[in-house]
């Protein structure tokens, strides 16, 4: 489950306002596709801390594989092209397989 698109936009707007005010907010977030858009810093956890740092440096396919093991698939062919400012190796489309 999650929130509807309108509520998500409201939450993200509030988080951006808090960022601009110099506040630090800890968020648990599972929508991998929106991590680069919403956050500056990420910590990847799976029982222990796998990686932590700037999204542009840490949110990589290698670290996501370490985090999710065999339960993740990456969509490269035909996936939405990353924006011009996207870091090389940054994940644009990923999904977690349950089970």
PDB file of N, CA and C in Angstrom:
ATOM      1  N   UNK A   1       0.841  -1.173   0.000  1.00  0.00           N
ATOM      2  CA  UNK A   1       0.000   0.000   0.000  1.00  0.00           C
ATOM      3  C   UNK A   1       0.881   1.229   0.000  1.00  0.00           C
ATOM      4  N   UNK A   2       0.282   2.323  -0.246  1.00  0.00           N
ATOM      5  CA  UNK A   2       0.996   3.591  -0.250  1.00  0.00           C
ATOM      6  C   UNK A   2      -0.010   4.712  -0.162  1.00  0.00           C
ATOM      7  N   UNK A   3       0.392   5.849  -0.627  1.00  0.00           N
ATOM      8  CA  UNK A   3      -0.511   6.996  -0.652  1.00  0.00           C
ATOM      9  C   UNK A   3      -0.853   7.309  -2.098  1.00  0.00           C
ATOM     10  N   UNK A   4      -1.945   8.025  -2.288  1.00  0.00           N
ATOM     11  CA  UNK A   4      -2.324   8.416  -3.645  1.00  0.00           C
ATOM     12  C   UNK A   4      -1.374   9.506  -4.141  1.00  0.00           C
ATOM     13  N   UNK A   5      -1.411   9.771  -5.442  1.00  0.00           N
ATOM     14  CA  UNK A   5      -0.476  10.711  -6.070  1.00  0.00           C
ATOM     15  C   UNK A   5      -0.578  12.117  -5.482  1.00  0.00           C
ATOM     16  N   UNK A   6      -1.779  12.566  -5.179  1.00  0.00           N
ATOM     17  CA  UNK A   6      -1.965  13.907  -4.618  1.00  0.00           C
ATOM     18  C   UNK A   6      -1.310  14.015  -3.246  1.00  0.00           C
ATOM     19  N   UNK A   7      -1.515  13.008  -2.415  1.00  0.00           N
ATOM     20  CA  UNK A   7      -0.913  13.007  -1.080  1.00  0.00           C
ATOM     21  C   UNK A   7       0.603  12.906  -1.175  1.00  0.00           C
ATOM     22  N   UNK A   8       1.100  12.088  -2.098  1.00  0.00           N
ATOM     23  CA  UNK A   8       2.548  11.970  -2.278  1.00  0.00           C
ATOM     24  C   UNK A   8       3.159  13.315  -2.654  1.00  0.00           C
ATOM     25  N   UNK A   9       2.528  14.040  -3.581  1.00  0.00           N
ATOM     26  CA  UNK A   9       3.033  15.363  -3.970  1.00  0.00           C
ATOM     27  C   UNK A   9       3.050  16.318  -2.782  1.00  0.00           C
ATOM     28  N   UNK A  10       2.024  16.264  -1.943  1.00  0.00           N
ATOM     29  CA  UNK A  10       1.960  17.131  -0.759  1.00  0.00           C
ATOM     30  C   UNK A  10       3.083  16.789   0.221  1.00  0.00           C
ATOM     31  N   UNK A  11       3.330  15.504   0.420  1.00  0.00           N
ATOM     32  CA  UNK A  11       4.397  15.078   1.328  1.00  0.00           C
ATOM     33  C   UNK A  11       5.756  15.522   0.795  1.00  0.00           C
ATOM     34  N   UNK A  12       5.991  15.302  -0.495  1.00  0.00           N
ATOM     35  CA  UNK A  12       7.269  15.681  -1.100  1.00  0.00           C
ATOM     36  C   UNK A  12       7.463  17.192  -1.027  1.00  0.00           C
ATOM     37  N   UNK A  13       6.418  17.944  -1.249  1.00  0.00           N
ATOM     38  CA  UNK A  13       6.502  19.404  -1.146  1.00  0.00           C
ATOM     39  C   UNK A  13       6.897  19.826   0.269  1.00  0.00           C
ATOM     40  N   UNK A  14       6.294  19.204   1.263  1.00  0.00           N
ATOM     41  CA  UNK A  14       6.636  19.491   2.659  1.00  0.00           C
ATOM     42  C   UNK A  14       8.098  19.132   2.944  1.00  0.00           C
ATOM     43  N   UNK A  15       8.549  17.980   2.449  1.00  0.00           N
ATOM     44  CA  UNK A  15       9.942  17.575   2.644  1.00  0.00           C
ATOM     45  C   UNK A  15      10.904  18.561   1.989  1.00  0.00           C
ATOM     46  N   UNK A  16      10.552  19.056   0.804  1.00  0.00           N
ATOM     47  CA  UNK A  16      11.393  20.040   0.126  1.00  0.00           C
ATOM     48  C   UNK A  16      11.446  21.350   0.905  1.00  0.00           C
ATOM     49  N   UNK A  17      10.325  21.761   1.473  1.00  0.00           N
ATOM     50  CA  UNK A  17      10.297  22.971   2.306  1.00  0.00           C
ATOM     51  C   UNK A  17      11.197  22.796   3.528  1.00  0.00           C
ATOM     52  N   UNK A  18      11.133  21.627   4.154  1.00  0.00           N
ATOM     53  CA  UNK A  18      11.974  21.355   5.317  1.00  0.00           C
ATOM     54  C   UNK A  18      13.455  21.352   4.936  1.00  0.00           C
ATOM     55  N   UNK A  19      13.781  20.799   3.770  1.00  0.00           N
ATOM     56  CA  UNK A  19      15.165  20.795   3.282  1.00  0.00           C
ATOM     57  C   UNK A  19      15.660  22.228   3.113  1.00  0.00           C
ATOM     58  N   UNK A  20      14.839  23.067   2.481  1.00  0.00           N
ATOM     59  CA  UNK A  20      15.226  24.464   2.262  1.00  0.00           C
ATOM     60  C   UNK A  20      15.397  25.217   3.575  1.00  0.00           C
ATOM     61  N   UNK A  21      14.699  24.776   4.608  1.00  0.00           N
ATOM     62  CA  UNK A  21      14.816  25.397   5.930  1.00  0.00           C
ATOM     63  C   UNK A  21      16.001  24.823   6.714  1.00  0.00           C
ATOM     64  N   UNK A  22      16.761  23.918   6.095  1.00  0.00           N
ATOM     65  CA  UNK A  22      17.941  23.361   6.743  1.00  0.00           C
ATOM     66  C   UNK A  22      17.656  22.233   7.712  1.00  0.00           C
ATOM     67  N   UNK A  23      16.478  21.645   7.629  1.00  0.00           N
ATOM     68  CA  UNK A  23      16.095  20.553   8.533  1.00  0.00           C
ATOM     69  C   UNK A  23      16.520  19.208   7.959  1.00  0.00           C
ATOM     70  N   UNK A  24      16.799  18.271   8.841  1.00  0.00           N
ATOM     71  CA  UNK A  24      17.089  16.895   8.453  1.00  0.00           C
ATOM     72  C   UNK A  24      15.876  16.046   8.790  1.00  0.00           C
ATOM     73  N   UNK A  25      15.433  15.249   7.822  1.00  0.00           N
ATOM     74  CA  UNK A  25      14.269  14.390   8.007  1.00  0.00           C
ATOM     75  C   UNK A  25      14.665  12.971   7.612  1.00  0.00           C
ATOM     76  N   UNK A  26      14.317  11.998   8.433  1.00  0.00           N
ATOM     77  CA  UNK A  26      14.559  10.592   8.120  1.00  0.00           C
ATOM     78  C   UNK A  26      13.259  10.009   7.579  1.00  0.00           C
ATOM     79  N   UNK A  27      13.331   9.408   6.388  1.00  0.00           N
ATOM     80  CA  UNK A  27      12.150   8.879   5.711  1.00  0.00           C
ATOM     81  C   UNK A  27      12.409   7.425   5.335  1.00  0.00           C
ATOM     82  N   UNK A  28      11.453   6.551   5.578  1.00  0.00           N
ATOM     83  CA  UNK A  28      11.509   5.182   5.073  1.00  0.00           C
ATOM     84  C   UNK A  28      10.742   5.195   3.759  1.00  0.00           C
ATOM     85  N   UNK A  29      11.416   4.797   2.680  1.00  0.00           N
ATOM     86  CA  UNK A  29      10.831   4.935   1.343  1.00  0.00           C
ATOM     87  C   UNK A  29      11.168   3.688   0.530  1.00  0.00           C
ATOM     88  N   UNK A  30      10.179   3.133  -0.160  1.00  0.00           N
ATOM     89  CA  UNK A  30      10.396   1.888  -0.900  1.00  0.00           C
ATOM     90  C   UNK A  30      10.194   2.027  -2.400  1.00  0.00           C
ATOM     91  N   UNK A  31       9.856   3.196  -2.890  1.00  0.00           N
ATOM     92  CA  UNK A  31       9.670   3.405  -4.329  1.00  0.00           C
ATOM     93  C   UNK A  31      11.018   3.799  -4.924  1.00  0.00           C
ATOM     94  N   UNK A  32      11.765   2.813  -5.388  1.00  0.00           N
ATOM     95  CA  UNK A  32      13.130   3.047  -5.851  1.00  0.00           C
ATOM     96  C   UNK A  32      13.212   4.034  -7.003  1.00  0.00           C
ATOM     97  N   UNK A  33      12.185   4.098  -7.822  1.00  0.00           N
ATOM     98  CA  UNK A  33      12.217   4.982  -8.979  1.00  0.00           C
ATOM     99  C   UNK A  33      12.237   6.452  -8.592  1.00  0.00           C
ATOM    100  N   UNK A  34      11.708   6.799  -7.439  1.00  0.00           N
ATOM    101  CA  UNK A  34      11.632   8.209  -7.056  1.00  0.00           C
ATOM    102  C   UNK A  34      12.749   8.648  -6.115  1.00  0.00           C
ATOM    103  N   UNK A  35      13.586   7.732  -5.665  1.00  0.00           N
ATOM    104  CA  UNK A  35      14.657   8.094  -4.725  1.00  0.00           C
ATOM    105  C   UNK A  35      15.540   9.222  -5.268  1.00  0.00           C
ATOM    106  N   UNK A  36      16.075   9.129  -6.507  1.00  0.00           N
ATOM    107  CA  UNK A  36      16.942  10.208  -6.989  1.00  0.00           C
ATOM    108  C   UNK A  36      16.231  11.564  -7.090  1.00  0.00           C
ATOM    109  N   UNK A  37      14.955  11.534  -7.356  1.00  0.00           N
ATOM    110  CA  UNK A  37      14.186  12.776  -7.499  1.00  0.00           C
ATOM    111  C   UNK A  37      13.872  13.408  -6.143  1.00  0.00           C
ATOM    112  N   UNK A  38      13.614  12.607  -5.141  1.00  0.00           N
ATOM    113  CA  UNK A  38      13.122  13.111  -3.861  1.00  0.00           C
ATOM    114  C   UNK A  38      14.204  13.369  -2.817  1.00  0.00           C
ATOM    115  N   UNK A  39      15.324  12.667  -2.894  1.00  0.00           N
ATOM    116  CA  UNK A  39      16.265  12.682  -1.780  1.00  0.00           C
ATOM    117  C   UNK A  39      17.683  13.037  -2.211  1.00  0.00           C
ATOM    118  N   UNK A  40      18.434  13.653  -1.296  1.00  0.00           N
ATOM    119  CA  UNK A  40      19.839  13.998  -1.526  1.00  0.00           C
ATOM    120  C   UNK A  40      20.767  12.918  -0.977  1.00  0.00           C
ATOM    121  N   UNK A  41      20.319  12.241   0.066  1.00  0.00           N
ATOM    122  CA  UNK A  41      21.138  11.293   0.821  1.00  0.00           C
ATOM    123  C   UNK A  41      20.330  10.012   0.986  1.00  0.00           C
ATOM    124  N   UNK A  42      20.981   8.866   0.933  1.00  0.00           N
ATOM    125  CA  UNK A  42      20.273   7.599   1.073  1.00  0.00           C
ATOM    126  C   UNK A  42      21.100   6.634   1.919  1.00  0.00           C
ATOM    127  N   UNK A  43      20.404   5.838   2.709  1.00  0.00           N
ATOM    128  CA  UNK A  43      21.019   4.730   3.432  1.00  0.00           C
ATOM    129  C   UNK A  43      20.288   3.465   3.005  1.00  0.00           C
ATOM    130  N   UNK A  44      21.027   2.492   2.494  1.00  0.00           N
ATOM    131  CA  UNK A  44      20.453   1.222   2.054  1.00  0.00           C
ATOM    132  C   UNK A  44      20.677   0.195   3.152  1.00  0.00           C
ATOM    133  N   UNK A  45      19.575  -0.431   3.592  1.00  0.00           N
ATOM    134  CA  UNK A  45      19.620  -1.375   4.711  1.00  0.00           C
ATOM    135  C   UNK A  45      19.101  -2.747   4.301  1.00  0.00           C
ATOM    136  N   UNK A  46      19.724  -3.782   4.810  1.00  0.00           N
ATOM    137  CA  UNK A  46      19.217  -5.144   4.742  1.00  0.00           C
ATOM    138  C   UNK A  46      19.827  -5.869   5.936  1.00  0.00           C
ATOM    139  N   UNK A  47      19.159  -5.825   7.054  1.00  0.00           N
ATOM    140  CA  UNK A  47      19.620  -6.321   8.342  1.00  0.00           C
ATOM    141  C   UNK A  47      20.756  -5.432   8.874  1.00  0.00           C
ATOM    142  N   UNK A  48      21.652  -5.035   8.000  1.00  0.00           N
ATOM    143  CA  UNK A  48      22.745  -4.131   8.360  1.00  0.00           C
ATOM    144  C   UNK A  48      22.798  -3.004   7.324  1.00  0.00           C
ATOM    145  N   UNK A  49      23.649  -2.019   7.587  1.00  0.00           N
ATOM    146  CA  UNK A  49      23.808  -0.919   6.633  1.00  0.00           C
ATOM    147  C   UNK A  49      24.670  -1.401   5.472  1.00  0.00           C
ATOM    148  N   UNK A  50      24.117  -1.350   4.264  1.00  0.00           N
ATOM    149  CA  UNK A  50      24.841  -1.749   3.058  1.00  0.00           C
ATOM    150  C   UNK A  50      25.665  -0.580   2.539  1.00  0.00           C
ATOM    151  N   UNK A  51      25.038   0.588   2.450  1.00  0.00           N
ATOM    152  CA  UNK A  51      25.715   1.778   1.934  1.00  0.00           C
ATOM    153  C   UNK A  51      24.966   3.011   2.416  1.00  0.00           C
ATOM    154  N   UNK A  52      25.702   4.113   2.522  1.00  0.00           N
ATOM    155  CA  UNK A  52      25.097   5.358   2.959  1.00  0.00           C
ATOM    156  C   UNK A  52      25.886   6.510   2.361  1.00  0.00           C
ATOM    157  N   UNK A  53      25.178   7.518   1.862  1.00  0.00           N
ATOM    158  CA  UNK A  53      25.857   8.677   1.293  1.00  0.00           C
ATOM    159  C   UNK A  53      24.967   9.420   0.324  1.00  0.00           C
ATOM    160  N   UNK A  54      25.599  10.276  -0.473  1.00  0.00           N
ATOM    161  CA  UNK A  54      24.858  11.037  -1.477  1.00  0.00           C
ATOM    162  C   UNK A  54      24.210  10.068  -2.464  1.00  0.00           C
ATOM    163  N   UNK A  55      22.980  10.359  -2.845  1.00  0.00           N
ATOM    164  CA  UNK A  55      22.258   9.491  -3.783  1.00  0.00           C
ATOM    165  C   UNK A  55      23.083   9.287  -5.051  1.00  0.00           C
ATOM    166  N   UNK A  56      23.690  10.350  -5.555  1.00  0.00           N
ATOM    167  CA  UNK A  56      24.453  10.258  -6.802  1.00  0.00           C
ATOM    168  C   UNK A  56      25.646   9.308  -6.691  1.00  0.00           C
ATOM    169  N   UNK A  57      26.112   9.049  -5.478  1.00  0.00           N
ATOM    170  CA  UNK A  57      27.267   8.175  -5.283  1.00  0.00           C
ATOM    171  C   UNK A  57      26.898   6.774  -4.799  1.00  0.00           C
ATOM    172  N   UNK A  58      25.810   6.651  -4.054  1.00  0.00           N
ATOM    173  CA  UNK A  58      25.474   5.406  -3.357  1.00  0.00           C
ATOM    174  C   UNK A  58      24.358   4.618  -4.030  1.00  0.00           C
ATOM    175  N   UNK A  59      23.437   5.293  -4.683  1.00  0.00           N
ATOM    176  CA  UNK A  59      22.257   4.641  -5.244  1.00  0.00           C
ATOM    177  C   UNK A  59      22.616   4.037  -6.600  1.00  0.00           C
ATOM    178  N   UNK A  60      23.403   2.956  -6.551  1.00  0.00           N
ATOM    179  CA  UNK A  60      23.912   2.312  -7.759  1.00  0.00           C
ATOM    180  C   UNK A  60      23.343   0.901  -7.880  1.00  0.00           C
ATOM    181  N   UNK A  61      23.428   0.361  -9.076  1.00  0.00           N
ATOM    182  CA  UNK A  61      22.948  -1.001  -9.302  1.00  0.00           C
ATOM    183  C   UNK A  61      23.681  -1.986  -8.392  1.00  0.00           C
ATOM    184  N   UNK A  62      24.980  -1.829  -8.248  1.00  0.00           N
ATOM    185  CA  UNK A  62      25.759  -2.735  -7.396  1.00  0.00           C
ATOM    186  C   UNK A  62      25.258  -2.699  -5.951  1.00  0.00           C
ATOM    187  N   UNK A  63      25.054  -1.507  -5.395  1.00  0.00           N
ATOM    188  CA  UNK A  63      24.581  -1.408  -4.011  1.00  0.00           C
ATOM    189  C   UNK A  63      23.155  -1.910  -3.859  1.00  0.00           C
ATOM    190  N   UNK A  64      22.320  -1.689  -4.865  1.00  0.00           N
ATOM    191  CA  UNK A  64      20.949  -2.200  -4.795  1.00  0.00           C
ATOM    192  C   UNK A  64      20.936  -3.723  -4.872  1.00  0.00           C
ATOM    193  N   UNK A  65      21.822  -4.305  -5.668  1.00  0.00           N
ATOM    194  CA  UNK A  65      21.924  -5.772  -5.712  1.00  0.00           C
ATOM    195  C   UNK A  65      22.368  -6.314  -4.352  1.00  0.00           C
ATOM    196  N   UNK A  66      23.314  -5.641  -3.710  1.00  0.00           N
ATOM    197  CA  UNK A  66      23.746  -6.063  -2.376  1.00  0.00           C
ATOM    198  C   UNK A  66      22.599  -5.948  -1.377  1.00  0.00           C
ATOM    199  N   UNK A  67      21.774  -4.933  -1.538  1.00  0.00           N
ATOM    200  CA  UNK A  67      20.660  -4.700  -0.620  1.00  0.00           C
ATOM    201  C   UNK A  67      19.534  -5.704  -0.834  1.00  0.00           C
ATOM    202  N   UNK A  68      19.144  -5.924  -2.090  1.00  0.00           N
ATOM    203  CA  UNK A  68      17.980  -6.761  -2.390  1.00  0.00           C
ATOM    204  C   UNK A  68      18.339  -8.173  -2.826  1.00  0.00           C
ATOM    205  N   UNK A  69      19.604  -8.470  -3.046  1.00  0.00           N
ATOM    206  CA  UNK A  69      19.999  -9.804  -3.472  1.00  0.00           C
ATOM    207  C   UNK A  69      19.349 -10.170  -4.791  1.00  0.00           C
ATOM    208  N   UNK A  70      18.827 -11.373  -4.905  1.00  0.00           N
ATOM    209  CA  UNK A  70      18.209 -11.839  -6.136  1.00  0.00           C
ATOM    210  C   UNK A  70      16.784 -11.371  -6.323  1.00  0.00           C
ATOM    211  N   UNK A  71      16.304 -10.498  -5.455  1.00  0.00           N
ATOM    212  CA  UNK A  71      14.908 -10.073  -5.531  1.00  0.00           C
ATOM    213  C   UNK A  71      14.725  -8.739  -6.241  1.00  0.00           C
ATOM    214  N   UNK A  72      15.664  -8.365  -7.096  1.00  0.00           N
ATOM    215  CA  UNK A  72      15.540  -7.092  -7.795  1.00  0.00           C
ATOM    216  C   UNK A  72      15.837  -7.305  -9.273  1.00  0.00           C
ATOM    217  N   UNK A  73      15.103  -6.602 -10.103  1.00  0.00           N
ATOM    218  CA  UNK A  73      15.327  -6.634 -11.547  1.00  0.00           C
ATOM    219  C   UNK A  73      15.512  -5.200 -12.017  1.00  0.00           C
ATOM    220  N   UNK A  74      16.444  -4.993 -12.929  1.00  0.00           N
ATOM    221  CA  UNK A  74      16.719  -3.663 -13.465  1.00  0.00           C
ATOM    222  C   UNK A  74      16.220  -3.591 -14.891  1.00  0.00           C
ATOM    223  N   UNK A  75      15.520  -2.536 -15.203  1.00  0.00           N
ATOM    224  CA  UNK A  75      14.984  -2.334 -16.540  1.00  0.00           C
ATOM    225  C   UNK A  75      15.884  -1.349 -17.267  1.00  0.00           C
ATOM    226  N   UNK A  76      16.719  -1.863 -18.158  1.00  0.00           N
ATOM    227  CA  UNK A  76      17.634  -0.992 -18.891  1.00  0.00           C
ATOM    228  C   UNK A  76      17.132  -0.760 -20.308  1.00  0.00           C
ATOM    229  N   UNK A  77      16.868  -1.824 -21.040  1.00  0.00           N
ATOM    230  CA  UNK A  77      16.426  -1.698 -22.426  1.00  0.00           C
ATOM    231  C   UNK A  77      15.020  -1.134 -22.463  1.00  0.00           C
ATOM    232  N   UNK A  78      14.857  -0.015 -23.144  1.00  0.00           N
ATOM    233  CA  UNK A  78      13.536   0.596 -23.270  1.00  0.00           C
ATOM    234  C   UNK A  78      13.093   1.363 -22.043  1.00  0.00           C
ATOM    235  N   UNK A  79      13.943   1.443 -21.031  1.00  0.00           N
ATOM    236  CA  UNK A  79      13.589   2.198 -19.825  1.00  0.00           C
ATOM    237  C   UNK A  79      13.653   3.684 -20.129  1.00  0.00           C
ATOM    238  N   UNK A  80      13.007   4.453 -19.305  1.00  0.00           N
ATOM    239  CA  UNK A  80      13.049   5.900 -19.452  1.00  0.00           C
ATOM    240  C   UNK A  80      14.499   6.342 -19.355  1.00  0.00           C
ATOM    241  N   UNK A  81      14.932   7.190 -20.279  1.00  0.00           N
ATOM    242  CA  UNK A  81      16.305   7.665 -20.267  1.00  0.00           C
ATOM    243  C   UNK A  81      16.533   8.605 -19.096  1.00  0.00           C
ATOM    244  N   UNK A  82      17.649   8.450 -18.384  1.00  0.00           N
ATOM    245  CA  UNK A  82      17.934   9.356 -17.273  1.00  0.00           C
ATOM    246  C   UNK A  82      18.101  10.776 -17.774  1.00  0.00           C
ATOM    247  N   UNK A  83      17.792  11.730 -16.920  1.00  0.00           N
ATOM    248  CA  UNK A  83      17.955  13.130 -17.275  1.00  0.00           C
ATOM    249  C   UNK A  83      19.421  13.464 -17.463  1.00  0.00           C
ATOM    250  N   UNK A  84      19.695  14.600 -18.061  1.00  0.00           N
ATOM    251  CA  UNK A  84      21.060  15.015 -18.363  1.00  0.00           C
ATOM    252  C   UNK A  84      21.907  15.134 -17.104  1.00  0.00           C
ATOM    253  N   UNK A  85      21.277  15.427 -15.986  1.00  0.00           N
ATOM    254  CA  UNK A  85      22.035  15.613 -14.751  1.00  0.00           C
ATOM    255  C   UNK A  85      22.123  14.341 -13.916  1.00  0.00           C
ATOM    256  N   UNK A  86      21.615  13.236 -14.429  1.00  0.00           N
ATOM    257  CA  UNK A  86      21.667  11.977 -13.672  1.00  0.00           C
ATOM    258  C   UNK A  86      23.102  11.463 -13.640  1.00  0.00           C
ATOM    259  N   UNK A  87      23.497  10.952 -12.514  1.00  0.00           N
ATOM    260  CA  UNK A  87      24.856  10.433 -12.366  1.00  0.00           C
ATOM    261  C   UNK A  87      24.991   9.117 -13.120  1.00  0.00           C
ATOM    262  N   UNK A  88      26.174   8.878 -13.671  1.00  0.00           N
ATOM    263  CA  UNK A  88      26.417   7.622 -14.364  1.00  0.00           C
ATOM    264  C   UNK A  88      26.285   6.476 -13.378  1.00  0.00           C
ATOM    265  N   UNK A  89      25.570   5.435 -13.780  1.00  0.00           N
ATOM    266  CA  UNK A  89      25.380   4.284 -12.919  1.00  0.00           C
ATOM    267  C   UNK A  89      24.207   4.418 -11.971  1.00  0.00           C
ATOM    268  N   UNK A  90      23.564   5.564 -11.987  1.00  0.00           N
ATOM    269  CA  UNK A  90      22.406   5.776 -11.114  1.00  0.00           C
ATOM    270  C   UNK A  90      21.228   4.993 -11.677  1.00  0.00           C
ATOM    271  N   UNK A  91      20.407   4.461 -10.810  1.00  0.00           N
ATOM    272  CA  UNK A  91      19.295   3.623 -11.229  1.00  0.00           C
ATOM    273  C   UNK A  91      18.113   4.492 -11.626  1.00  0.00           C
ATOM    274  N   UNK A  92      17.590   4.260 -12.810  1.00  0.00           N
ATOM    275  CA  UNK A  92      16.415   4.997 -13.268  1.00  0.00           C
ATOM    276  C   UNK A  92      15.157   4.169 -13.037  1.00  0.00           C
ATOM    277  N   UNK A  93      15.192   2.898 -13.378  1.00  0.00           N
ATOM    278  CA  UNK A  93      14.038   2.030 -13.202  1.00  0.00           C
ATOM    279  C   UNK A  93      14.486   0.729 -12.550  1.00  0.00           C
ATOM    280  N   UNK A  94      13.899   0.424 -11.421  1.00  0.00           N
ATOM    281  CA  UNK A  94      14.192  -0.836 -10.741  1.00  0.00           C
ATOM    282  C   UNK A  94      12.926  -1.287 -10.042  1.00  0.00           C
ATOM    283  N   UNK A  95      12.763  -2.580  -9.925  1.00  0.00           N
ATOM    284  CA  UNK A  95      11.610  -3.090  -9.195  1.00  0.00           C
ATOM    285  C   UNK A  95      12.063  -4.251  -8.334  1.00  0.00           C
ATOM    286  N   UNK A  96      11.397  -4.424  -7.217  1.00  0.00           N
ATOM    287  CA  UNK A  96      11.729  -5.502  -6.290  1.00  0.00           C
ATOM    288  C   UNK A  96      10.719  -6.612  -6.465  1.00  0.00           C
ATOM    289  N   UNK A  97      11.226  -7.825  -6.633  1.00  0.00           N
ATOM    290  CA  UNK A  97      10.352  -8.990  -6.737  1.00  0.00           C
ATOM    291  C   UNK A  97      10.108  -9.528  -5.347  1.00  0.00           C
ATOM    292  N   UNK A  98       8.867  -9.740  -5.009  1.00  0.00           N
ATOM    293  CA  UNK A  98       8.524 -10.323  -3.706  1.00  0.00           C
ATOM    294  C   UNK A  98       8.650 -11.834  -3.798  1.00  0.00           C
ATOM    295  N   UNK A  99       9.095 -12.454  -2.698  1.00  0.00           N
ATOM    296  CA  UNK A  99       9.116 -13.910  -2.658  1.00  0.00           C
ATOM    297  C   UNK A  99      10.422 -14.522  -2.665  1.00  0.00           C
TER     298      UNK A  99
END
